[in-house]
Amino acid sequence: MSYYTVFLLLNLLFSSFLHTTYTQNLILPLKYQSLSSITSPQKQPNKLSFHHNVSLTVTLTVGSPPQPVTVVLDTGSELSWLRCKKTPTTPLWFNPLRSTSYKPVPCASSTCKTRTRDFNVPVSCDTRKLCHAIVSYADATSVEGNLAVDTFRFENSGQPVVFGCMDTLSSSNQDEDKKTTGLLGMNRGSLSFVSQMGFPKFSYCISGKDSTGVLLFGDVKVSWLRPLSYTPLVKMSTPLPYYDRVAYTVQLDGVKVGGVVLSLPKSVYVPDHTGAGQTMVDSGTQYTFLLGPVYTALRNEFLKQTKSVLRVYEDSDYVFQGAMDLCYRVDRKRVGLPVLPSVTMMFRGAEMSISGERLLVQVPGLVKGNDQIHCFTFGNSDLLGVEAYIIGHHHQQNMWMEFDLANSRVGLAEVRCDVASKKLGMGI
């Protein structure tokens, strides 16, 4: 399901609650661990499909009595689902027969008629007149099973959640897939986990240095967190074929390298009449992907500003992860990277500046002579068949990322995420 990447595991062990003006905060520690990738559901008609190369997972319990499950946290998906087996071959899978609170959704239920872009094939009735759903992914992985309701629990509290109890999984990497039970949909759709739980906001902060971080549901007001810069979520009232209206879509206004703003018309960043070209903040994608004209301009400017400090890897047949065609040779004996110009994404009301080691990633196992190969962490959406800008999780490191559903905005601020975790009592 992926190529050469080190995947991010958010092993979320539940902690204490804080009282806030909205609801109780749930604060969770984060750490890195190897895990297989998950891909985004194909968006009809396939213009917004893309690979996920980082899996963010949360461990919680479901059912009565509670069963532990580990699910991918995905802000790009709506429907949550679990791998269900009546006789599980791994303890990570969910056994519906063991839960007295498990209730399958009948075909006649209004829930079965809920419209969501996650269903590539319309829901149907099975032989037992239960609601049957199929979710397909861009790498040809698919899951199918029945919609159901059961209690998703945080420590001693919980509430019923509609989810997919999937008993069939088609995947190219069965061994790695056994490490997770399913997926937790976190977008703004009515069936998403965050919507069903009623959380008005959630935040996360990932450290790029020592693999620590924090995720929390609810509001937090602390003196040490600098004021967030907010960019509004783009509202689209008219249904468009290639536009995902429940994604965390923001407006990208420009990109600059060092102090040089790319000389491009504003229209290149605006979705066209079909909805293609939206900018989505997605927790499931590792790197950032830009539409062809913007990527090409960024690539050329970065090459221009780094020609005296970096040596280009000249191999026209090599493209890292299918969409990243700018790579460099770096001497294995060198400690650290040379000083590089920052790349700043300019949103409406906020900026995200990418610098240092977040700009290049070493390709594991690829060595040419005395050189390691490092690739630029921005990719070309066109090479993946994607007609969207995707802001990846790798470029959100050491940023406080707040998804404010109540006020329809995304907030961000630079912060040392390892320090933030300790200040919030994680003790990592």
Protein backbone atom coordinates (compact mmCIF):
# COMPACT_ATOMS: atom_id res chain seq x y z
CA MET A 1 0.00 0.00 0.00
CA SER A 2 3.05 2.25 0.25
CA TYR A 3 6.63 2.48 -0.94
CA TYR A 4 9.64 3.63 1.15
CA THR A 5 8.21 5.73 3.95
CA VAL A 6 8.50 5.59 7.73
CA PHE A 7 4.95 5.60 8.94
CA LEU A 8 3.53 7.53 11.86
CA LEU A 9 1.65 5.71 14.58
CA LEU A 10 -0.31 7.76 17.05
CA ASN A 11 -0.53 5.23 19.85
CA LEU A 12 -3.12 7.13 21.81
CA LEU A 13 -3.28 6.00 25.45
CA PHE A 14 -6.09 7.81 27.19
CA SER A 15 -5.30 10.24 29.97
CA SER A 16 -7.04 12.94 32.08
CA PHE A 17 -9.95 15.30 31.41
CA LEU A 18 -9.92 19.11 31.70
CA HIS A 19 -13.01 21.28 32.22
CA THR A 20 -13.63 23.83 29.44
CA THR A 21 -16.36 26.11 28.20
CA TYR A 22 -17.49 23.52 25.62
CA THR A 23 -17.06 20.05 27.02
CA GLN A 24 -14.44 17.93 28.74
CA ASN A 25 -11.10 17.79 26.96
CA LEU A 26 -9.59 14.47 26.14
CA ILE A 27 -5.80 14.69 25.97
CA LEU A 28 -3.81 11.90 24.32
CA PRO A 29 -0.06 11.28 23.92
CA LEU A 30 1.45 10.47 20.53
CA LYS A 31 4.48 8.48 19.45
CA TYR A 32 5.99 7.11 16.23
CA GLN A 33 5.89 3.45 15.23
CA SER A 34 6.09 1.59 11.94
CA LEU A 35 2.70 0.88 10.39
CA SER A 36 1.27 0.25 6.95
CA SER A 37 -0.36 3.04 4.99
CA ILE A 38 -4.03 3.63 4.32
CA THR A 39 -5.31 5.30 1.21
CA SER A 40 -8.07 7.84 0.87
CA PRO A 41 -11.45 6.69 -0.40
CA GLN A 42 -11.84 7.28 -4.11
CA LYS A 43 -13.90 10.41 -4.69
CA GLN A 44 -16.41 10.02 -7.50
CA PRO A 45 -15.46 10.16 -10.27
CA ASN A 46 -11.90 9.42 -9.11
CA LYS A 47 -10.45 12.90 -9.47
CA LEU A 48 -9.57 13.27 -5.79
CA SER A 49 -8.06 9.87 -5.09
CA PHE A 50 -4.59 9.88 -3.57
CA HIS A 51 -2.24 7.72 -1.54
CA HIS A 52 -1.96 7.99 2.22
CA ASN A 53 1.60 7.32 3.33
CA VAL A 54 1.18 7.97 7.03
CA SER A 55 -1.24 6.12 9.28
CA LEU A 56 -2.37 8.00 12.35
CA THR A 57 -3.97 5.58 14.76
CA VAL A 58 -5.94 5.82 17.97
CA THR A 59 -6.51 3.03 20.47
CA LEU A 60 -9.91 2.99 22.15
CA THR A 61 -12.55 0.48 23.21
CA VAL A 62 -15.83 -0.44 21.55
CA GLY A 63 -18.79 -2.49 22.72
CA SER A 64 -20.10 -3.98 25.97
CA PRO A 65 -17.98 -5.33 27.54
CA PRO A 66 -15.33 -3.05 25.98
CA GLN A 67 -13.04 -4.51 23.32
CA PRO A 68 -9.77 -2.65 22.50
CA VAL A 69 -9.42 -1.56 18.86
CA THR A 70 -6.74 0.37 16.97
CA VAL A 71 -8.07 2.54 14.16
CA VAL A 72 -6.58 4.98 11.66
CA LEU A 73 -7.42 8.62 12.43
CA ASP A 74 -8.35 10.14 9.07
CA THR A 75 -9.59 13.70 8.59
CA GLY A 76 -10.17 12.89 4.92
CA SER A 77 -12.85 10.25 5.53
CA GLU A 78 -16.36 10.24 6.98
CA LEU A 79 -17.46 6.71 7.81
CA SER A 80 -15.67 4.95 10.67
CA TRP A 81 -15.32 1.22 10.28
CA LEU A 82 -13.92 -1.79 12.14
CA ARG A 83 -12.75 -5.15 10.91
CA CYS A 84 -15.36 -7.50 12.35
CA LYS A 85 -14.94 -11.23 12.78
CA LYS A 86 -17.15 -13.59 14.77
CA THR A 87 -14.03 -15.67 15.42
CA PRO A 88 -11.16 -13.12 15.21
CA THR A 89 -7.72 -14.47 14.31
CA THR A 90 -6.08 -11.44 15.92
CA PRO A 91 -7.06 -9.65 19.16
CA LEU A 92 -7.18 -6.31 17.29
CA TRP A 93 -10.33 -7.27 15.40
CA PHE A 94 -13.79 -6.53 16.78
CA ASN A 95 -16.17 -9.39 17.61
CA PRO A 96 -19.78 -8.16 17.41
CA LEU A 97 -21.11 -11.34 19.03
CA ARG A 98 -19.31 -10.46 22.25
CA SER A 99 -20.99 -7.05 22.53
CA THR A 100 -24.46 -6.79 24.07
CA SER A 101 -24.73 -3.17 22.82
CA TYR A 102 -24.07 -4.02 19.15
CA LYS A 103 -27.01 -3.32 16.83
CA PRO A 104 -26.91 -3.79 13.03
CA VAL A 105 -28.59 -1.08 10.94
CA PRO A 106 -31.62 -2.36 8.99
CA CYS A 107 -32.19 -1.34 5.37
CA ALA A 108 -35.36 0.52 6.31
CA SER A 109 -33.45 2.81 8.69
CA SER A 110 -32.90 6.45 7.72
CA THR A 111 -29.22 5.91 8.60
CA CYS A 112 -28.94 3.48 5.70
CA LYS A 113 -30.13 6.22 3.37
CA THR A 114 -27.54 8.79 4.55
CA ARG A 115 -25.56 10.08 1.59
CA THR A 116 -21.77 10.11 1.91
CA ARG A 117 -18.95 10.30 -0.65
CA ASP A 118 -17.24 7.40 1.13
CA PHE A 119 -19.68 4.96 -0.48
CA ASN A 120 -18.28 4.45 -3.96
CA VAL A 121 -21.06 1.94 -4.53
CA PRO A 122 -24.53 2.82 -3.20
CA VAL A 123 -25.52 0.96 -0.02
CA SER A 124 -27.71 -2.10 -0.53
CA CYS A 125 -29.69 -4.70 1.39
CA ASP A 126 -28.21 -8.07 2.17
CA THR A 127 -30.20 -11.30 2.51
CA ARG A 128 -30.97 -10.47 6.15
CA LYS A 129 -32.34 -7.04 5.16
CA LEU A 130 -29.39 -5.31 6.82
CA CYS A 131 -27.62 -2.22 5.43
CA HIS A 132 -24.62 -3.35 3.36
CA ALA A 133 -21.82 -0.94 2.42
CA ILE A 134 -18.62 -1.03 0.35
CA VAL A 135 -15.74 1.45 0.71
CA SER A 136 -12.99 1.35 -1.94
CA TYR A 137 -9.57 2.99 -1.87
CA ALA A 138 -7.22 4.42 -4.47
CA ASP A 139 -4.70 1.56 -4.21
CA ALA A 140 -7.41 -1.04 -5.01
CA THR A 141 -7.96 -1.89 -1.35
CA SER A 142 -11.61 -2.23 -0.39
CA VAL A 143 -13.69 -3.15 2.66
CA GLU A 144 -17.30 -4.21 2.86
CA GLY A 145 -19.80 -5.25 5.49
CA ASN A 146 -22.80 -3.97 7.40
CA LEU A 147 -23.51 -0.63 8.99
CA ALA A 148 -24.03 -0.96 12.73
CA VAL A 149 -24.26 0.99 15.98
CA ASP A 150 -22.21 0.34 19.11
CA THR A 151 -20.67 2.25 22.01
CA PHE A 152 -17.29 3.89 21.39
CA ARG A 153 -15.64 4.57 24.74
CA PHE A 154 -13.15 7.08 26.13
CA GLU A 155 -12.11 5.75 29.54
CA ASN A 156 -15.41 5.49 31.47
CA SER A 157 -17.54 7.57 29.12
CA GLY A 158 -18.91 6.71 25.73
CA GLN A 159 -21.84 6.95 23.37
CA PRO A 160 -23.38 5.05 20.44
CA VAL A 161 -21.68 5.61 17.08
CA VAL A 162 -22.73 4.50 13.59
CA PHE A 163 -19.86 2.61 11.92
CA GLY A 164 -19.15 -0.05 9.34
CA CYS A 165 -18.68 -3.57 10.70
CA MET A 166 -16.57 -4.87 7.82
CA ASP A 167 -16.00 -8.59 7.41
CA THR A 168 -14.29 -8.50 4.01
CA LEU A 169 -10.98 -6.77 3.32
CA SER A 170 -9.16 -6.79 -0.01
CA SER A 171 -5.57 -5.63 0.41
CA SER A 172 -2.09 -6.11 -1.03
CA ASN A 173 -0.44 -6.11 2.41
CA GLN A 174 -2.35 -8.44 4.72
CA ASP A 175 0.44 -8.77 7.30
CA GLU A 176 0.68 -5.03 7.93
CA ASP A 177 -3.09 -4.57 7.84
CA LYS A 178 -3.42 -6.90 10.82
CA LYS A 179 -1.88 -4.17 12.96
CA THR A 180 -5.03 -2.05 12.76
CA THR A 181 -8.70 -2.76 13.29
CA GLY A 182 -10.15 -0.12 11.02
CA LEU A 183 -10.57 3.60 10.47
CA LEU A 184 -11.94 6.57 12.42
CA GLY A 185 -13.54 9.09 10.05
CA MET A 186 -12.86 12.66 11.18
CA ASN A 187 -14.14 14.97 8.44
CA ARG A 188 -17.19 17.24 8.75
CA GLY A 189 -19.77 14.80 7.42
CA SER A 190 -22.77 13.84 9.54
CA LEU A 191 -21.57 10.24 9.97
CA SER A 192 -18.01 11.18 10.98
CA PHE A 193 -16.81 10.29 14.45
CA VAL A 194 -16.18 13.87 15.50
CA SER A 195 -19.66 14.91 14.30
CA GLN A 196 -21.44 12.03 16.03
CA MET A 197 -19.55 12.62 19.29
CA GLY A 198 -20.41 16.32 19.18
CA PHE A 199 -16.88 17.65 19.67
CA PRO A 200 -16.78 21.31 18.56
CA LYS A 201 -13.05 21.12 17.88
CA PHE A 202 -10.00 18.90 18.04
CA SER A 203 -6.27 19.60 17.83
CA TYR A 204 -3.03 17.75 17.35
CA CYS A 205 0.66 18.57 17.51
CA ILE A 206 3.39 16.27 16.18
CA SER A 207 7.07 16.65 17.01
CA GLY A 208 9.56 16.09 14.23
CA LYS A 209 12.52 15.63 16.54
CA ASP A 210 11.92 13.08 19.28
CA SER A 211 8.72 11.41 18.14
CA THR A 212 6.40 12.86 20.76
CA GLY A 213 3.22 14.82 20.45
CA VAL A 214 -0.33 15.27 21.61
CA LEU A 215 -3.89 14.96 20.32
CA LEU A 216 -6.90 16.37 22.12
CA PHE A 217 -10.62 16.67 21.65
CA GLY A 218 -12.25 19.85 22.96
CA ASP A 219 -10.95 23.32 23.73
CA VAL A 220 -7.73 24.34 25.46
CA LYS A 221 -6.69 27.71 26.77
CA VAL A 222 -3.10 27.82 28.07
CA SER A 223 -0.80 30.78 28.54
CA TRP A 224 2.23 29.21 26.86
CA LEU A 225 0.51 28.53 23.51
CA ARG A 226 1.00 31.50 21.21
CA PRO A 227 -2.16 32.90 19.58
CA LEU A 228 -3.24 30.81 16.62
CA SER A 229 -3.54 32.23 13.14
CA TYR A 230 -6.86 31.18 11.65
CA THR A 231 -7.82 30.50 8.08
CA PRO A 232 -11.53 30.02 7.33
CA LEU A 233 -12.91 26.83 5.91
CA VAL A 234 -14.12 27.43 2.37
CA LYS A 235 -17.89 27.19 2.07
CA MET A 236 -19.30 25.77 -1.14
CA SER A 237 -23.09 25.83 -1.31
CA THR A 238 -23.40 24.51 -4.84
CA PRO A 239 -22.76 20.76 -5.29
CA LEU A 240 -19.86 20.26 -7.71
CA PRO A 241 -18.74 16.90 -9.11
CA TYR A 242 -15.09 17.09 -8.01
CA TYR A 243 -15.47 19.07 -4.79
CA ASP A 244 -15.56 17.42 -1.36
CA ARG A 245 -17.81 19.68 0.72
CA VAL A 246 -17.10 17.93 4.04
CA ALA A 247 -13.30 18.05 3.76
CA TYR A 248 -11.24 20.58 5.71
CA THR A 249 -10.88 22.88 2.72
CA VAL A 250 -8.94 26.15 3.06
CA GLN A 251 -7.89 28.75 0.51
CA LEU A 252 -4.26 28.65 -0.61
CA ASP A 253 -3.37 32.14 -1.87
CA GLY A 254 0.28 31.64 -2.79
CA VAL A 255 3.62 29.94 -2.21
CA LYS A 256 7.00 31.53 -1.60
CA VAL A 257 10.55 30.19 -1.50
CA GLY A 258 12.76 32.18 0.82
CA GLY A 259 11.43 35.68 0.20
CA VAL A 260 10.39 35.03 -3.40
CA VAL A 261 6.67 34.64 -4.08
CA LEU A 262 5.98 32.35 -7.02
CA SER A 263 4.87 34.46 -9.97
CA LEU A 264 1.53 32.80 -10.68
CA PRO A 265 -2.00 34.15 -11.16
CA LYS A 266 -4.32 33.88 -8.12
CA SER A 267 -6.75 31.89 -10.24
CA VAL A 268 -4.43 28.87 -10.25
CA TYR A 269 -5.17 28.34 -6.54
CA VAL A 270 -8.96 28.61 -6.86
CA PRO A 271 -11.19 25.58 -7.62
CA ASP A 272 -12.56 25.61 -11.15
CA HIS A 273 -16.21 25.34 -12.19
CA THR A 274 -16.15 21.55 -11.58
CA GLY A 275 -14.70 21.90 -8.05
CA ALA A 276 -11.29 20.50 -9.01
CA GLY A 277 -8.42 22.34 -7.34
CA GLN A 278 -9.57 22.62 -3.73
CA THR A 279 -6.96 22.77 -0.93
CA MET A 280 -7.48 20.14 1.78
CA VAL A 281 -5.75 19.69 5.14
CA ASP A 282 -5.57 15.91 5.54
CA SER A 283 -4.18 13.96 8.49
CA GLY A 284 -3.81 10.86 6.36
CA THR A 285 -1.32 12.13 3.78
CA GLN A 286 2.36 12.31 4.66
CA TYR A 287 3.68 14.84 2.17
CA THR A 288 2.18 17.85 0.39
CA PHE A 289 0.93 17.68 -3.20
CA LEU A 290 0.41 20.67 -5.47
CA LEU A 291 -1.26 20.99 -8.85
CA GLY A 292 1.13 20.80 -11.80
CA PRO A 293 1.61 24.52 -12.60
CA VAL A 294 2.29 25.43 -8.95
CA TYR A 295 4.51 22.41 -8.35
CA THR A 296 6.58 23.16 -11.46
CA ALA A 297 7.07 26.81 -10.43
CA LEU A 298 8.02 25.74 -6.89
CA ARG A 299 10.41 23.08 -8.18
CA ASN A 300 12.16 25.54 -10.50
CA GLU A 301 12.54 28.23 -7.82
CA PHE A 302 13.82 25.74 -5.23
CA LEU A 303 16.33 24.40 -7.75
CA LYS A 304 17.47 27.95 -8.50
CA GLN A 305 17.97 28.87 -4.85
CA THR A 306 19.74 25.60 -3.88
CA LYS A 307 22.02 25.02 -6.90
CA SER A 308 25.09 26.12 -4.93
CA VAL A 309 24.45 23.85 -1.91
CA LEU A 310 22.71 20.72 -3.30
CA ARG A 311 23.57 18.24 -6.08
CA VAL A 312 20.59 17.03 -8.11
CA TYR A 313 20.12 13.27 -8.47
CA GLU A 314 20.04 12.86 -12.24
CA ASP A 315 17.81 9.87 -12.95
CA SER A 316 14.82 10.63 -15.13
CA ASP A 317 13.35 7.17 -14.44
CA TYR A 318 13.21 7.63 -10.66
CA VAL A 319 10.20 9.28 -9.01
CA PHE A 320 9.89 8.97 -5.22
CA GLN A 321 6.47 7.59 -4.24
CA GLY A 322 5.14 8.21 -7.71
CA ALA A 323 4.85 11.98 -7.49
CA MET A 324 8.11 13.46 -6.15
CA ASP A 325 10.59 13.88 -8.99
CA LEU A 326 13.10 16.26 -7.41
CA CYS A 327 15.82 14.39 -5.54
CA TYR A 328 19.39 15.15 -4.44
CA ARG A 329 22.65 13.35 -3.72
CA VAL A 330 23.93 13.99 -0.21
CA ASP A 331 27.29 12.67 0.99
CA ARG A 332 26.78 9.92 3.58
CA LYS A 333 29.55 11.39 5.71
CA ARG A 334 27.84 14.75 5.93
CA VAL A 335 26.22 15.59 9.28
CA GLY A 336 22.91 17.33 8.66
CA LEU A 337 21.72 19.23 5.62
CA PRO A 338 23.01 22.57 4.31
CA VAL A 339 21.03 25.72 5.02
CA LEU A 340 17.96 25.64 2.75
CA PRO A 341 15.44 28.34 1.84
CA SER A 342 12.11 27.87 3.58
CA VAL A 343 8.94 27.13 1.61
CA THR A 344 5.90 29.01 2.87
CA MET A 345 2.31 28.21 2.00
CA MET A 346 0.24 31.36 2.28
CA PHE A 347 -3.35 30.78 3.28
CA ARG A 348 -6.06 33.35 3.76
CA GLY A 349 -5.19 34.75 7.19
CA ALA A 350 -2.38 32.32 8.04
CA GLU A 351 0.94 30.97 6.82
CA MET A 352 2.68 27.61 7.17
CA SER A 353 6.46 27.80 6.79
CA ILE A 354 8.41 24.62 6.01
CA SER A 355 12.15 24.67 6.67
CA GLY A 356 15.21 22.53 7.37
CA GLU A 357 14.85 18.76 7.47
CA ARG A 358 11.13 18.89 6.69
CA LEU A 359 12.03 19.94 3.13
CA LEU A 360 13.98 16.79 2.24
CA VAL A 361 13.42 13.15 3.15
CA GLN A 362 16.06 10.44 2.88
CA VAL A 363 15.02 7.51 0.70
CA PRO A 364 15.60 4.35 2.76
CA GLY A 365 17.91 1.84 1.12
CA LEU A 366 18.81 3.96 -1.91
CA VAL A 367 22.53 4.70 -2.08
CA LYS A 368 24.55 5.85 -5.10
CA GLY A 369 28.29 5.54 -4.54
CA ASN A 370 29.09 7.55 -1.42
CA ASP A 371 25.78 9.42 -1.54
CA GLN A 372 22.41 8.97 0.04
CA ILE A 373 19.36 10.11 -1.91
CA HIS A 374 17.11 12.77 -0.40
CA CYS A 375 13.90 13.90 -2.10
CA PHE A 376 11.91 17.11 -1.96
CA THR A 377 8.86 16.66 0.26
CA PHE A 378 6.47 18.41 -2.13
CA GLY A 379 4.98 16.34 -4.92
CA ASN A 380 3.09 16.83 -8.16
CA SER A 381 -0.62 16.07 -7.81
CA ASP A 382 -0.86 15.49 -11.56
CA LEU A 383 1.44 12.48 -11.34
CA LEU A 384 -1.04 10.81 -8.98
CA GLY A 385 -4.11 11.73 -10.98
CA VAL A 386 -5.18 14.11 -8.22
CA GLU A 387 -6.86 17.41 -9.02
CA ALA A 388 -6.45 18.95 -5.57
CA TYR A 389 -3.91 20.54 -3.27
CA ILE A 390 -3.22 18.25 -0.29
CA ILE A 391 -1.47 19.67 2.80
CA GLY A 392 0.35 16.70 4.27
CA HIS A 393 1.02 15.74 7.85
CA HIS A 394 4.80 15.86 7.44
CA HIS A 395 4.57 19.61 6.94
CA GLN A 396 2.40 20.01 10.03
CA GLN A 397 5.20 18.88 12.36
CA ASN A 398 5.85 21.27 15.22
CA MET A 399 2.67 23.11 14.36
CA TRP A 400 -0.33 23.29 16.67
CA MET A 401 -3.17 22.28 14.33
CA GLU A 402 -6.69 23.11 15.49
CA PHE A 403 -9.79 21.99 13.59
CA ASP A 404 -12.53 24.31 14.83
CA LEU A 405 -15.83 22.93 13.56
CA ALA A 406 -17.94 25.32 15.62
CA ASN A 407 -16.41 28.38 13.91
CA SER A 408 -15.61 26.76 10.53
CA ARG A 409 -11.88 27.44 10.60
CA VAL A 410 -8.46 25.85 10.96
CA GLY A 411 -5.96 27.41 13.37
CA LEU A 412 -2.20 26.96 13.38
CA ALA A 413 0.84 28.20 15.25
CA GLU A 414 4.46 27.08 15.44
CA VAL A 415 5.24 25.31 18.71
CA ARG A 416 7.68 22.76 20.10
CA CYS A 417 5.35 19.77 20.21
CA ASP A 418 7.53 17.77 22.57
CA VAL A 419 7.40 20.68 25.03
CA ALA A 420 3.64 21.05 24.51
CA SER A 421 3.14 17.38 25.37
CA LYS A 422 5.02 17.75 28.64
CA LYS A 423 3.19 20.95 29.57
CA LEU A 424 -0.11 19.18 29.03
CA GLY A 425 0.94 16.50 31.49
CA MET A 426 1.85 13.75 29.08
CA GLY A 427 5.19 13.13 30.78
CA ILE A 428 6.71 11.87 27.54
